PDB file of N, CA and C in Angstrom:
ATOM      1  N   MET A   1      15.370-112.916 -12.065  1.00  0.00           N
ATOM      2  CA  MET A   1      16.487-112.678 -11.145  1.00  0.00           C
ATOM      3  C   MET A   1      17.408-111.863 -11.733  1.00  0.00           C
ATOM      4  N   LEU A   2      17.703-111.095 -10.912  1.00  0.00           N
ATOM      5  CA  LEU A   2      18.676-109.533 -11.027  1.00  0.00           C
ATOM      6  C   LEU A   2      19.960-109.786 -10.135  1.00  0.00           C
ATOM      7  N   ASP A   3      20.820-109.055 -10.417  1.00  0.00           N
ATOM      8  CA  ASP A   3      21.725-108.730  -9.606  1.00  0.00           C
ATOM      9  C   ASP A   3      22.913-109.819  -9.240  1.00  0.00           C
ATOM     10  N   PHE A   4      23.600-109.973 -10.236  1.00  0.00           N
ATOM     11  CA  PHE A   4      24.635-110.879  -9.851  1.00  0.00           C
ATOM     12  C   PHE A   4      25.920-110.339  -8.806  1.00  0.00           C
ATOM     13  N   ALA A   5      26.212-109.110  -8.566  1.00  0.00           N
ATOM     14  CA  ALA A   5      27.182-108.669  -7.745  1.00  0.00           C
ATOM     15  C   ALA A   5      27.809-109.346  -6.621  1.00  0.00           C
ATOM     16  N   GLY A   6      26.424-109.975  -5.926  1.00  0.00           N
ATOM     17  CA  GLY A   6      26.678-110.665  -4.609  1.00  0.00           C
ATOM     18  C   GLY A   6      27.123-112.175  -5.082  1.00  0.00           C
ATOM     19  N   ALA A   7      27.316-112.551  -6.308  1.00  0.00           N
ATOM     20  CA  ALA A   7      27.765-113.759  -6.634  1.00  0.00           C
ATOM     21  C   ALA A   7      29.475-114.446  -6.404  1.00  0.00           C
ATOM     22  N   TYR A   8      29.363-115.712  -6.310  1.00  0.00           N
ATOM     23  CA  TYR A   8      30.842-115.916  -6.291  1.00  0.00           C
ATOM     24  C   TYR A   8      30.814-116.902  -7.172  1.00  0.00           C
ATOM     25  N   LEU A   9      32.102-117.128  -8.058  1.00  0.00           N
ATOM     26  CA  LEU A   9      32.041-117.742  -9.302  1.00  0.00           C
ATOM     27  C   LEU A   9      33.122-118.941  -9.192  1.00  0.00           C
ATOM     28  N   ASP A  10      32.642-120.107  -9.473  1.00  0.00           N
ATOM     29  CA  ASP A  10      33.421-121.389  -9.011  1.00  0.00           C
ATOM     30  C   ASP A  10      33.950-121.623  -7.645  1.00  0.00           C
ATOM     31  N   GLU A  11      33.847-120.988  -6.830  1.00  0.00           N
ATOM     32  CA  GLU A  11      34.103-120.909  -5.435  1.00  0.00           C
ATOM     33  C   GLU A  11      33.055-120.692  -4.372  1.00  0.00           C
ATOM     34  N   LYS A  12      32.586-121.810  -3.399  1.00  0.00           N
ATOM     35  CA  LYS A  12      31.605-121.821  -2.752  1.00  0.00           C
ATOM     36  C   LYS A  12      32.239-120.809  -1.441  1.00  0.00           C
ATOM     37  N   PRO A  13      31.281-119.781  -0.978  1.00  0.00           N
ATOM     38  CA  PRO A  13      31.958-118.706   0.008  1.00  0.00           C
ATOM     39  C   PRO A  13      31.879-119.652   1.353  1.00  0.00           C
ATOM     40  N   ASP A  14      33.019-119.208   2.017  1.00  0.00           N
ATOM     41  CA  ASP A  14      33.088-119.866   3.328  1.00  0.00           C
ATOM     42  C   ASP A  14      32.675-118.990   4.459  1.00  0.00           C
ATOM     43  N   PHE A  15      31.352-119.229   4.807  1.00  0.00           N
ATOM     44  CA  PHE A  15      30.894-118.427   5.845  1.00  0.00           C
ATOM     45  C   PHE A  15      30.961-119.571   6.991  1.00  0.00           C
ATOM     46  N   PRO A  16      30.624-118.959   8.299  1.00  0.00           N
ATOM     47  CA  PRO A  16      30.334-119.908   9.682  1.00  0.00           C
ATOM     48  C   PRO A  16      29.134-120.264   9.622  1.00  0.00           C
ATOM     49  N   LYS A  17      28.988-121.590   9.962  1.00  0.00           N
ATOM     50  CA  LYS A  17      27.752-122.095  10.284  1.00  0.00           C
ATOM     51  C   LYS A  17      26.727-121.096  10.774  1.00  0.00           C
ATOM     52  N   SER A  18      27.189-120.396  11.727  1.00  0.00           N
ATOM     53  CA  SER A  18      26.229-119.807  12.857  1.00  0.00           C
ATOM     54  C   SER A  18      25.580-118.634  11.810  1.00  0.00           C
ATOM     55  N   VAL A  19      26.643-118.061  10.771  1.00  0.00           N
ATOM     56  CA  VAL A  19      26.096-117.026   9.958  1.00  0.00           C
ATOM     57  C   VAL A  19      25.080-117.493   8.843  1.00  0.00           C
ATOM     58  N   MET A  20      25.408-118.673   8.481  1.00  0.00           N
ATOM     59  CA  MET A  20      24.556-119.474   7.468  1.00  0.00           C
ATOM     60  C   MET A  20      23.336-119.693   8.137  1.00  0.00           C
ATOM     61  N   ALA A  21      23.266-120.160   9.410  1.00  0.00           N
ATOM     62  CA  ALA A  21      21.943-120.688   9.979  1.00  0.00           C
ATOM     63  C   ALA A  21      20.908-119.433  10.248  1.00  0.00           C
ATOM     64  N   ARG A  22      21.635-118.272  10.557  1.00  0.00           N
ATOM     65  CA  ARG A  22      20.621-116.916  10.814  1.00  0.00           C
ATOM     66  C   ARG A  22      20.363-116.464   9.255  1.00  0.00           C
ATOM     67  N   TRP A  23      21.172-116.702   8.169  1.00  0.00           N
ATOM     68  CA  TRP A  23      20.919-116.078   6.776  1.00  0.00           C
ATOM     69  C   TRP A  23      19.732-116.941   6.309  1.00  0.00           C
ATOM     70  N   GLN A  24      19.844-118.350   6.616  1.00  0.00           N
ATOM     71  CA  GLN A  24      18.659-119.192   6.184  1.00  0.00           C
ATOM     72  C   GLN A  24      17.527-118.719   6.876  1.00  0.00           C
ATOM     73  N   ARG A  25      17.287-118.256   8.299  1.00  0.00           N
ATOM     74  CA  ARG A  25      16.104-118.075   8.949  1.00  0.00           C
ATOM     75  C   ARG A  25      15.467-116.788   8.339  1.00  0.00           C
ATOM     76  N   GLU A  26      16.474-115.742   8.025  1.00  0.00           N
ATOM     77  CA  GLU A  26      16.165-114.664   7.515  1.00  0.00           C
ATOM     78  C   GLU A  26      15.531-114.673   5.966  1.00  0.00           C
ATOM     79  N   LYS A  27      15.997-115.534   5.226  1.00  0.00           N
ATOM     80  CA  LYS A  27      15.567-115.658   3.914  1.00  0.00           C
ATOM     81  C   LYS A  27      14.312-116.660   3.847  1.00  0.00           C
ATOM     82  N   ARG A  28      14.230-117.283   4.617  1.00  0.00           N
ATOM     83  CA  ARG A  28      12.607-117.933   4.521  1.00  0.00           C
ATOM     84  C   ARG A  28      11.688-117.131   5.215  1.00  0.00           C
ATOM     85  N   GLN A  29      11.919-116.262   5.912  1.00  0.00           N
ATOM     86  CA  GLN A  29      11.175-115.279   6.113  1.00  0.00           C
ATOM     87  C   GLN A  29      10.729-114.526   5.315  1.00  0.00           C
ATOM     88  N   GLN A  30      11.837-113.868   4.631  1.00  0.00           N
ATOM     89  CA  GLN A  30      11.661-112.753   3.516  1.00  0.00           C
ATOM     90  C   GLN A  30      10.920-113.520   2.182  1.00  0.00           C
ATOM     91  N   PHE A  31      11.046-114.740   1.974  1.00  0.00           N
ATOM     92  CA  PHE A  31      10.375-115.308   0.742  1.00  0.00           C
ATOM     93  C   PHE A  31       9.316-116.230   1.117  1.00  0.00           C
ATOM     94  N   GLY A  32       9.079-116.426   2.284  1.00  0.00           N
ATOM     95  CA  GLY A  32       7.851-117.013   2.639  1.00  0.00           C
ATOM     96  C   GLY A  32       7.783-118.435   2.103  1.00  0.00           C
ATOM     97  N   ALA A  33       6.187-118.490   1.230  1.00  0.00           N
ATOM     98  CA  ALA A  33       6.172-119.693   0.642  1.00  0.00           C
ATOM     99  C   ALA A  33       6.760-119.948  -0.659  1.00  0.00           C
ATOM    100  N   ASN A  34       7.640-119.081  -1.306  1.00  0.00           N
ATOM    101  CA  ASN A  34       8.452-119.174  -2.324  1.00  0.00           C
ATOM    102  C   ASN A  34       9.918-119.662  -1.873  1.00  0.00           C
ATOM    103  N   TRP A  35      10.062-119.671  -0.611  1.00  0.00           N
ATOM    104  CA  TRP A  35      11.359-120.234  -0.261  1.00  0.00           C
ATOM    105  C   TRP A  35      11.934-121.441  -0.857  1.00  0.00           C
ATOM    106  N   ASP A  36      11.062-122.413  -1.006  1.00  0.00           N
ATOM    107  CA  ASP A  36      11.517-123.693  -1.722  1.00  0.00           C
ATOM    108  C   ASP A  36      12.026-123.444  -3.497  1.00  0.00           C
ATOM    109  N   ARG A  37      11.065-122.588  -3.696  1.00  0.00           N
ATOM    110  CA  ARG A  37      11.453-122.114  -5.300  1.00  0.00           C
ATOM    111  C   ARG A  37      12.932-121.461  -5.405  1.00  0.00           C
ATOM    112  N   VAL A  38      13.124-120.525  -4.447  1.00  0.00           N
ATOM    113  CA  VAL A  38      14.492-119.941  -4.387  1.00  0.00           C
ATOM    114  C   VAL A  38      15.608-120.981  -4.316  1.00  0.00           C
ATOM    115  N   GLN A  39      15.497-121.763  -3.269  1.00  0.00           N
ATOM    116  CA  GLN A  39      16.351-122.709  -2.857  1.00  0.00           C
ATOM    117  C   GLN A  39      16.564-123.770  -4.380  1.00  0.00           C
ATOM    118  N   THR A  40      15.642-123.950  -5.041  1.00  0.00           N
ATOM    119  CA  THR A  40      15.633-124.516  -6.394  1.00  0.00           C
ATOM    120  C   THR A  40      16.499-124.042  -7.299  1.00  0.00           C
ATOM    121  N   ILE A  41      16.184-122.680  -7.335  1.00  0.00           N
ATOM    122  CA  ILE A  41      17.039-121.743  -8.315  1.00  0.00           C
ATOM    123  C   ILE A  41      18.467-121.795  -7.799  1.00  0.00           C
ATOM    124  N   MET A  42      18.407-121.431  -6.488  1.00  0.00           N
ATOM    125  CA  MET A  42      20.105-121.396  -5.985  1.00  0.00           C
ATOM    126  C   MET A  42      20.952-122.780  -6.427  1.00  0.00           C
ATOM    127  N   ALA A  43      20.175-124.078  -6.140  1.00  0.00           N
ATOM    128  CA  ALA A  43      20.807-125.240  -6.465  1.00  0.00           C
ATOM    129  C   ALA A  43      21.200-125.564  -8.093  1.00  0.00           C
ATOM    130  N   ASN A  44      20.239-124.949  -8.884  1.00  0.00           N
ATOM    131  CA  ASN A  44      20.592-125.083 -10.410  1.00  0.00           C
ATOM    132  C   ASN A  44      21.539-124.359 -10.695  1.00  0.00           C
ATOM    133  N   LEU A  45      21.618-123.133 -10.004  1.00  0.00           N
ATOM    134  CA  LEU A  45      22.978-122.100 -10.188  1.00  0.00           C
ATOM    135  C   LEU A  45      24.228-122.609  -9.915  1.00  0.00           C
ATOM    136  N   ARG A  46      24.444-123.306  -8.681  1.00  0.00           N
ATOM    137  CA  ARG A  46      25.608-124.163  -8.033  1.00  0.00           C
ATOM    138  C   ARG A  46      25.842-125.316  -9.296  1.00  0.00           C
ATOM    139  N   ARG A  47      25.135-125.427  -9.852  1.00  0.00           N
ATOM    140  CA  ARG A  47      25.337-126.834 -10.811  1.00  0.00           C
ATOM    141  C   ARG A  47      26.471-126.030 -12.073  1.00  0.00           C
ATOM    142  N   TYR A  48      26.414-124.715 -11.814  1.00  0.00           N
ATOM    143  CA  TYR A  48      27.357-124.171 -13.138  1.00  0.00           C
ATOM    144  C   TYR A  48      28.522-123.165 -12.180  1.00  0.00           C
ATOM    145  N   GLY A  49      28.427-123.402 -11.174  1.00  0.00           N
ATOM    146  CA  GLY A  49      29.655-122.729 -10.335  1.00  0.00           C
ATOM    147  C   GLY A  49      29.097-121.497  -9.867  1.00  0.00           C
ATOM    148  N   ILE A  50      27.886-121.146  -9.898  1.00  0.00           N
ATOM    149  CA  ILE A  50      27.367-119.614  -9.287  1.00  0.00           C
ATOM    150  C   ILE A  50      27.035-119.826  -8.009  1.00  0.00           C
ATOM    151  N   TYR A  51      27.293-119.316  -6.953  1.00  0.00           N
ATOM    152  CA  TYR A  51      27.130-119.221  -5.451  1.00  0.00           C
ATOM    153  C   TYR A  51      26.453-117.935  -5.245  1.00  0.00           C
ATOM    154  N   LEU A  52      24.984-117.524  -5.197  1.00  0.00           N
ATOM    155  CA  LEU A  52      24.469-116.206  -4.562  1.00  0.00           C
ATOM    156  C   LEU A  52      24.550-116.156  -3.047  1.00  0.00           C
ATOM    157  N   ALA A  53      25.207-114.735  -2.952  1.00  0.00           N
ATOM    158  CA  ALA A  53      24.963-114.205  -1.600  1.00  0.00           C
ATOM    159  C   ALA A  53      24.188-113.165  -1.376  1.00  0.00           C
ATOM    160  N   ASP A  54      23.468-112.753  -2.336  1.00  0.00           N
ATOM    161  CA  ASP A  54      22.849-111.422  -2.178  1.00  0.00           C
ATOM    162  C   ASP A  54      21.415-112.050  -2.738  1.00  0.00           C
ATOM    163  N   VAL A  55      20.856-112.675  -1.934  1.00  0.00           N
ATOM    164  CA  VAL A  55      19.581-113.366  -2.267  1.00  0.00           C
ATOM    165  C   VAL A  55      18.394-112.727  -1.019  1.00  0.00           C
ATOM    166  N   LYS A  56      17.739-111.770  -2.398  1.00  0.00           N
ATOM    167  CA  LYS A  56      16.311-111.057  -1.288  1.00  0.00           C
ATOM    168  C   LYS A  56      15.407-110.993  -2.597  1.00  0.00           C
ATOM    169  N   PRO A  57      14.237-110.632  -2.063  1.00  0.00           N
ATOM    170  CA  PRO A  57      13.076-110.471  -2.736  1.00  0.00           C
ATOM    171  C   PRO A  57      13.314-109.368  -3.866  1.00  0.00           C
ATOM    172  N   GLY A  58      14.171-108.338  -3.610  1.00  0.00           N
ATOM    173  CA  GLY A  58      14.222-107.433  -4.513  1.00  0.00           C
ATOM    174  C   GLY A  58      15.144-107.992  -5.952  1.00  0.00           C
ATOM    175  N   ASN A  59      15.951-109.036  -5.867  1.00  0.00           N
ATOM    176  CA  ASN A  59      16.656-109.787  -7.031  1.00  0.00           C
ATOM    177  C   ASN A  59      16.071-110.913  -7.406  1.00  0.00           C
ATOM    178  N   ILE A  60      15.020-111.720  -6.676  1.00  0.00           N
ATOM    179  CA  ILE A  60      14.756-112.848  -7.191  1.00  0.00           C
ATOM    180  C   ILE A  60      12.945-112.398  -6.976  1.00  0.00           C
ATOM    181  N   SER A  61      12.433-112.476  -7.874  1.00  0.00           N
ATOM    182  CA  SER A  61      10.896-112.167  -7.887  1.00  0.00           C
ATOM    183  C   SER A  61       9.893-113.117  -8.439  1.00  0.00           C
ATOM    184  N   PHE A  62       8.788-113.524  -7.920  1.00  0.00           N
ATOM    185  CA  PHE A  62       7.887-114.562  -8.679  1.00  0.00           C
ATOM    186  C   PHE A  62       6.323-113.648  -9.067  1.00  0.00           C
ATOM    187  N   GLU A  63       5.913-114.213 -10.113  1.00  0.00           N
ATOM    188  CA  GLU A  63       4.558-113.489 -10.420  1.00  0.00           C
ATOM    189  C   GLU A  63       3.532-114.133 -10.102  1.00  0.00           C
TER     190      GLU A  63
END
């Protein structure tokens, strides 16, 4: 995982539901079969107060 420039610390970003729904669709398409793994990574980071906004295959990759 690379690039924490698009991360929020200790405060969840407040995006409208419509924006988040579109974001989810785009990310699901970008990551395909790995989307569940990406969601797990994001959930684990949230436990530490880190909220990723710049989630893309260039920042999270799998071997």
